[in-house]
Structure formats: structure tokens, C-alpha cells
Amino acid sequence: MLADLDKAVPDLAPIMTTAPDVLVLTDIDYDAGLVTLSKLRDVLGKTGLDYPHLLAVRPNTGMPTDLDIDGDGRRGGPRDAQGFGWFSGQGGMAVLSRFPVDLLADHSNVLWKDTHDTAIAMDDPAFEIQRLSSSAFWAVRVATPDGALTLLTLGATPPVFDGPEDRNGRRNRDEVLLWAHVLNGDHGPIPEGPVAVIGNLNLDPARGNGLHDAVRTLLAHPRLQDPMPGVQTVAWDSTGPMRVSYVLPERSIVVGENGVTPPSPDLGPHGLVWVDLALR
């Protein structure tokens, strides 16, 4: 079973209820030595969930650029970083697993201007140095008892909180499309199967803000399948229910049961998305 949790919360009931073999977390702070992640692993261990294998690499969040990207006349603010963050590593990404994990590829340092079919503006204030990923892009190999599975992970920026230039919307578009470009061979070697795209795309196929064609393109990729079409994964007060988190396995993988833990006032607006996969 694979699961994606948009935001780590004090109440771990969704994780305990679904008990995933592999857990991908987005919007979790990164620190040296994986102190926070190790503490979470220890807490989960006391509930009977054993995750001996951890993976996290410094994300782009809070990484300084020494530029005034947001145009407020000052440098060093959270919107002047490679990815939004008040400090380096805020709101990164992590993987906890029952099985051994290895980082096969890290596309987090790919420049936005160098991505296939980029939507960056030629006059972007950080055109020469802006990384595409607002958090991280990792290809993570999981050595399951039934064979290796490669997770293509991401946590994309929300396509809001900007102005008429729609910088965040265009960046979100290109983040959502990155793994589709990788699977097409437009960014280095094509990952060998089986693979699964997993993470928070922050984009619904039809509802809310954003360039919806990006996620529609990813959902329609010939190598991937969508086991949960139309399923809502978040309920925001301002927009209502939407789908922003995804687990998209390769078509060769047999998909079993799946679901989303319901959002609640105590646990936050996001649900935990889980899918049972059979690799054989």
C-alpha cells in the first residue's frame, strides 16, 4: 500500500488506520540528521507501525537566492527563496518505508527555464537561477518483496498567492508536468518500470485556480493509470472540496482497494490518499 499525506499533523489516526507500507509526506520540515523524521518514526513505532527506512534530502523550500523575487524591495524573505519558506527546509518532503529505499534521481535542482515546454516569463526576476521545484522531485526506488517500485514524488506550489502575472500558476503547471516529461524522455533517462507518481500536485483537473490542462495531461499519460478519478482529497473553506493529491501507478501494476481518509476540523483539510498495489 502507498499513501500520501499532504501535511503531518499531531493526530496520527489516518496513518494508524491505513497502516501504509510506504508513506510519502509533503509539507514536513527538513532538518540535519533527520531529527524530526526520526522522531515521527519513533512515535509511529509505539503504535505498532515499523518504518525502519527513512529518506529525506534538503528541499528547495527556504533556500536563499539573494534576489528580491517578490518585488517588495527587500531580499531574504520567504518568497525570495527557491521555494517559499521562512527558513531552509520548511515544508519539505519525506519518505517512510517498511522496505529499503534508495534515491535513484533528484530533479530538484533543474532550472525552471531549462524544463521542457517551460512557461517561465522571459522577464522573470529570477530567470537565470530559479529552480522549477518549489520543494523537491525525487525518484525513489522501494525494494518490496514482490520487486522494485520507483516512486516519482513531488510537492508543487499552489497556483495562487500572486498577481496578474500568474507566476505561481505557471510554475505549478510546469511542476505538475515534470514527471510526464521525464517519462517521455525529455529530461534524461526514462525510468524503468514499474513506477508510480505520488504527491501533492496542488491542482484539480477542473475546479479552483490553476492551469488545469497540466494535471489532465499527466492523468492521460499512456504509462499511468488513475485509480481514483474524481475523488476529492481536500476540503477548503474558501473553495470547497477539490482533488489536489494523487497516487498514479503504472498501467502494468494491479490496483486493489483505495481511498481517502476524510478531512476533519481536528486533522485539517487534507485527507490521506492510499492505494493498494500488486506488483506481480
Protein backbone atom coordinates (compact mmCIF):
# COMPACT_ATOMS: atom_id res chain seq x y z
CA MET A 1 0.00 0.00 0.00
CA LEU A 2 1.16 3.52 -0.86
CA ALA A 3 -0.08 6.66 0.81
CA ASP A 4 0.42 10.39 0.50
CA LEU A 5 -0.16 12.74 3.43
CA ASP A 6 -0.23 16.42 2.50
CA LYS A 7 0.58 17.71 5.94
CA ALA A 8 1.94 15.93 9.00
CA VAL A 9 -0.42 16.53 11.94
CA PRO A 10 -0.18 15.77 15.67
CA ASP A 11 -3.04 13.27 15.49
CA LEU A 12 -1.68 10.28 13.57
CA ALA A 13 -5.01 8.47 13.32
CA PRO A 14 -5.11 8.46 9.47
CA ILE A 15 -1.68 6.79 9.29
CA MET A 16 -2.52 4.33 12.04
CA THR A 17 -5.83 3.43 10.39
CA THR A 18 -4.44 2.83 6.91
CA ALA A 19 -1.04 1.47 8.08
CA PRO A 20 0.70 2.00 4.71
CA ASP A 21 3.83 0.07 3.80
CA VAL A 22 5.27 3.23 2.25
CA LEU A 23 4.33 6.73 3.38
CA VAL A 24 5.16 9.88 1.38
CA LEU A 25 4.84 13.09 3.37
CA THR A 26 4.71 16.57 1.89
CA ASP A 27 4.90 19.86 3.80
CA ILE A 28 7.08 18.35 6.51
CA ASP A 29 10.11 20.29 7.75
CA TYR A 30 13.59 19.01 6.91
CA ASP A 31 16.45 19.21 9.39
CA ALA A 32 20.02 17.92 9.57
CA GLY A 33 20.28 14.35 10.73
CA LEU A 34 16.56 13.79 10.04
CA VAL A 35 15.82 14.52 13.70
CA THR A 36 12.16 15.41 13.14
CA LEU A 37 11.53 12.49 10.78
CA SER A 38 13.21 10.06 13.15
CA LYS A 39 11.04 11.31 16.00
CA LEU A 40 7.93 10.75 13.90
CA ARG A 41 9.15 7.25 13.06
CA ASP A 42 9.65 6.54 16.77
CA VAL A 43 6.17 7.79 17.65
CA LEU A 44 4.61 5.63 14.93
CA GLY A 45 6.68 2.69 16.17
CA LYS A 46 4.98 2.93 19.56
CA THR A 47 1.64 2.41 17.79
CA GLY A 48 2.90 -0.76 16.12
CA LEU A 49 3.87 0.75 12.76
CA ASP A 50 7.50 -0.05 11.96
CA TYR A 51 9.28 2.17 9.43
CA PRO A 52 12.98 1.30 9.62
CA HIS A 53 13.80 3.07 6.34
CA LEU A 54 13.72 6.88 6.04
CA LEU A 55 14.58 9.19 3.16
CA ALA A 56 14.74 12.97 3.01
CA VAL A 57 17.05 15.38 1.20
CA ARG A 58 17.27 19.14 1.65
CA PRO A 59 14.40 20.63 -0.36
CA ASN A 60 14.28 23.93 -2.22
CA THR A 61 11.99 25.49 0.38
CA GLY A 62 13.65 28.42 2.13
CA MET A 63 16.83 28.07 0.07
CA PRO A 64 18.13 31.66 -0.35
CA THR A 65 18.62 33.23 -3.79
CA ASP A 66 19.97 36.67 -2.77
CA LEU A 67 17.35 38.20 -5.07
CA ASP A 68 14.22 40.27 -4.49
CA ILE A 69 11.89 37.91 -6.35
CA ASP A 70 8.60 39.19 -4.91
CA GLY A 71 9.46 42.84 -5.63
CA ASP A 72 8.94 44.16 -2.11
CA GLY A 73 12.27 45.99 -2.12
CA ARG A 74 13.95 43.54 0.25
CA ARG A 75 15.88 40.31 -0.11
CA GLY A 76 15.78 37.25 2.10
CA GLY A 77 12.01 36.99 2.54
CA PRO A 78 10.12 33.69 2.27
CA ARG A 79 9.03 34.48 -1.30
CA ASP A 80 12.60 35.31 -2.32
CA ALA A 81 13.74 31.72 -1.76
CA GLN A 82 13.88 28.94 -4.33
CA GLY A 83 10.68 27.65 -2.73
CA PHE A 84 8.51 29.50 -0.24
CA GLY A 85 9.95 29.21 3.24
CA TRP A 86 10.80 31.32 6.26
CA PHE A 87 13.78 29.04 6.89
CA SER A 88 15.73 26.49 4.89
CA GLY A 89 13.90 23.18 4.79
CA GLN A 90 10.50 24.44 5.90
CA GLY A 91 7.71 22.33 4.40
CA GLY A 92 9.83 19.78 2.58
CA MET A 93 9.18 16.15 1.73
CA ALA A 94 10.00 12.76 3.27
CA VAL A 95 9.51 9.03 2.77
CA LEU A 96 8.99 6.41 5.50
CA SER A 97 9.03 2.77 4.44
CA ARG A 98 8.85 -0.78 5.73
CA PHE A 99 11.15 -1.73 2.85
CA PRO A 100 14.61 -0.43 1.84
CA VAL A 101 14.57 2.81 -0.17
CA ASP A 102 17.17 4.42 -2.42
CA LEU A 103 17.27 7.82 -4.12
CA LEU A 104 17.67 7.00 -7.82
CA ALA A 105 17.45 10.57 -9.13
CA ASP A 106 16.91 14.05 -7.76
CA HIS A 107 15.49 16.60 -10.21
CA SER A 108 15.06 19.29 -7.57
CA ASN A 109 17.89 21.43 -8.97
CA VAL A 110 16.53 21.55 -12.53
CA LEU A 111 16.15 25.19 -13.53
CA TRP A 112 12.68 26.35 -14.49
CA LYS A 113 13.94 27.90 -17.72
CA ASP A 114 15.52 24.59 -18.76
CA THR A 115 12.40 22.46 -18.43
CA HIS A 116 10.64 21.10 -21.49
CA ASP A 117 7.88 23.42 -22.75
CA THR A 118 8.62 25.88 -19.93
CA ALA A 119 6.08 28.56 -19.05
CA ILE A 120 8.54 30.86 -17.28
CA ALA A 121 8.33 34.52 -18.35
CA MET A 122 11.38 35.88 -20.14
CA ASP A 123 11.39 38.83 -17.75
CA ASP A 124 11.06 36.69 -14.62
CA PRO A 125 13.06 38.30 -11.80
CA ALA A 126 14.94 35.04 -11.16
CA PHE A 127 15.07 33.76 -14.74
CA GLU A 128 18.70 32.61 -14.61
CA ILE A 129 18.64 30.81 -11.25
CA GLN A 130 15.04 29.88 -10.42
CA ARG A 131 14.65 26.15 -9.84
CA LEU A 132 11.42 24.62 -11.09
CA SER A 133 10.61 22.64 -7.97
CA SER A 134 9.22 24.64 -5.06
CA SER A 135 10.01 21.64 -2.83
CA ALA A 136 11.56 18.53 -4.40
CA PHE A 137 11.39 16.00 -7.24
CA TRP A 138 12.72 12.58 -6.18
CA ALA A 139 12.74 9.24 -7.96
CA VAL A 140 12.79 6.79 -5.05
CA ARG A 141 13.26 3.05 -5.52
CA VAL A 142 11.44 0.88 -2.99
CA ALA A 143 12.70 -2.71 -2.70
CA THR A 144 9.44 -4.54 -1.95
CA PRO A 145 9.26 -8.34 -1.51
CA ASP A 146 7.50 -8.51 -4.89
CA GLY A 147 10.13 -6.46 -6.72
CA ALA A 148 11.31 -2.89 -7.05
CA LEU A 149 8.90 0.03 -7.38
CA THR A 150 10.03 3.55 -8.30
CA LEU A 151 8.10 6.42 -6.73
CA LEU A 152 8.13 9.72 -8.65
CA THR A 153 7.45 12.21 -5.87
CA LEU A 154 6.62 15.91 -5.77
CA GLY A 155 5.05 18.69 -3.75
CA ALA A 156 4.03 21.51 -6.11
CA THR A 157 3.46 25.17 -5.29
CA PRO A 158 -0.16 26.38 -5.03
CA PRO A 159 -1.26 28.22 -8.19
CA VAL A 160 -2.38 31.22 -6.11
CA PHE A 161 -0.89 33.96 -3.90
CA ASP A 162 0.45 36.00 -6.83
CA GLY A 163 -0.78 38.73 -9.16
CA PRO A 164 -1.94 39.04 -12.77
CA GLU A 165 1.45 37.73 -13.95
CA ASP A 166 0.30 34.30 -12.63
CA ARG A 167 3.84 33.28 -11.73
CA ASN A 168 2.71 30.65 -9.24
CA GLY A 169 0.11 29.33 -11.65
CA ARG A 170 2.66 28.90 -14.43
CA ARG A 171 5.19 27.37 -12.07
CA ASN A 172 2.60 24.95 -10.71
CA ARG A 173 1.80 23.94 -14.30
CA ASP A 174 5.40 23.08 -15.05
CA GLU A 175 5.90 21.27 -11.74
CA VAL A 176 2.85 19.08 -12.41
CA LEU A 177 4.15 18.27 -15.91
CA LEU A 178 7.75 17.47 -14.90
CA TRP A 179 7.27 13.72 -14.35
CA ALA A 180 5.30 13.45 -17.60
CA HIS A 181 8.29 14.98 -19.38
CA VAL A 182 10.65 12.57 -17.59
CA LEU A 183 8.50 9.59 -18.61
CA ASN A 184 8.59 10.89 -22.19
CA GLY A 185 12.40 11.04 -22.16
CA ASP A 186 12.58 14.85 -22.23
CA HIS A 187 14.67 15.04 -19.04
CA GLY A 188 17.32 12.34 -19.05
CA PRO A 189 16.89 8.56 -19.00
CA ILE A 190 13.33 7.23 -18.87
CA PRO A 191 12.71 5.49 -15.52
CA GLU A 192 12.37 1.74 -15.76
CA GLY A 193 9.12 0.30 -14.52
CA PRO A 194 7.14 -0.16 -12.55
CA VAL A 195 6.67 3.43 -11.41
CA ALA A 196 4.06 5.48 -9.56
CA VAL A 197 3.67 9.27 -9.45
CA ILE A 198 2.77 10.29 -5.90
CA GLY A 199 2.42 13.60 -4.12
CA ASN A 200 0.59 16.88 -3.75
CA LEU A 201 0.08 18.49 -7.15
CA ASN A 202 -1.99 21.34 -5.66
CA LEU A 203 -4.11 21.27 -8.81
CA ASP A 204 -7.61 19.95 -9.51
CA PRO A 205 -8.48 18.84 -13.05
CA ALA A 206 -11.35 21.33 -13.24
CA ARG A 207 -12.01 23.23 -10.02
CA GLY A 208 -10.28 26.18 -8.40
CA ASN A 209 -7.40 28.26 -9.72
CA GLY A 210 -4.60 26.88 -11.85
CA LEU A 211 -3.83 25.76 -15.39
CA HIS A 212 -5.92 22.60 -15.34
CA ASP A 213 -4.63 21.18 -18.62
CA ALA A 214 -1.38 20.29 -16.84
CA VAL A 215 -2.94 17.74 -14.50
CA ARG A 216 -5.23 16.48 -17.25
CA THR A 217 -2.13 15.81 -19.36
CA LEU A 218 -0.49 13.89 -16.52
CA LEU A 219 -3.65 11.87 -15.84
CA ALA A 220 -3.86 10.95 -19.51
CA HIS A 221 -0.23 9.84 -19.79
CA PRO A 222 -0.19 6.46 -21.58
CA ARG A 223 2.12 4.91 -19.00
CA LEU A 224 -0.03 5.83 -15.99
CA GLN A 225 -3.44 4.88 -14.66
CA ASP A 226 -5.77 6.83 -12.40
CA PRO A 227 -7.36 4.50 -9.83
CA MET A 228 -9.39 7.27 -8.18
CA PRO A 229 -10.94 9.53 -10.84
CA GLY A 230 -12.95 12.38 -9.41
CA VAL A 231 -12.14 11.56 -5.79
CA GLN A 232 -11.83 14.63 -3.56
CA THR A 233 -8.76 14.85 -1.33
CA VAL A 234 -9.12 18.24 0.37
CA ALA A 235 -11.94 20.43 1.68
CA TRP A 236 -11.02 24.11 1.96
CA ASP A 237 -13.45 26.60 3.46
CA SER A 238 -12.81 29.06 0.63
CA THR A 239 -13.18 26.68 -2.32
CA GLY A 240 -14.93 23.57 -1.05
CA PRO A 241 -13.83 20.02 -1.91
CA MET A 242 -11.14 19.53 -4.54
CA ARG A 243 -8.64 16.95 -5.73
CA VAL A 244 -5.04 18.01 -5.22
CA SER A 245 -3.20 14.85 -4.04
CA TYR A 246 -2.61 11.87 -6.30
CA VAL A 247 -1.26 8.32 -6.50
CA LEU A 248 -0.90 7.36 -10.17
CA PRO A 249 0.58 3.87 -10.68
CA GLU A 250 1.93 2.48 -13.90
CA ARG A 251 -0.61 0.59 -16.01
CA SER A 252 1.26 -2.69 -15.53
CA ILE A 253 0.50 -2.60 -11.78
CA VAL A 254 -2.65 -4.27 -10.49
CA VAL A 255 -4.59 -1.82 -8.33
CA GLY A 256 -6.65 -3.06 -5.39
CA GLU A 257 -8.62 -1.12 -2.82
CA ASN A 258 -8.05 2.62 -2.42
CA GLY A 259 -9.49 5.61 -0.65
CA VAL A 260 -9.04 8.91 1.15
CA THR A 261 -9.33 9.44 4.88
CA PRO A 262 -11.95 12.15 5.46
CA PRO A 263 -10.79 15.64 6.42
CA SER A 264 -11.94 16.89 9.79
CA PRO A 265 -11.65 20.06 11.92
CA ASP A 266 -9.18 18.26 14.18
CA LEU A 267 -6.98 16.79 11.41
CA GLY A 268 -7.01 19.64 8.89
CA PRO A 269 -8.48 19.99 5.39
CA HIS A 270 -6.38 17.30 3.69
CA GLY A 271 -7.12 13.60 3.61
CA LEU A 272 -4.59 10.80 3.37
CA VAL A 273 -4.70 9.18 -0.07
CA TRP A 274 -3.98 5.44 -0.10
CA VAL A 275 -3.83 2.75 -2.79
CA ASP A 276 -3.15 -0.98 -2.60
CA LEU A 277 -0.81 -2.16 -5.35
CA ALA A 278 0.15 -5.66 -6.53
CA LEU A 279 3.40 -5.66 -8.48
CA ARG A 280 3.25 -9.27 -9.65
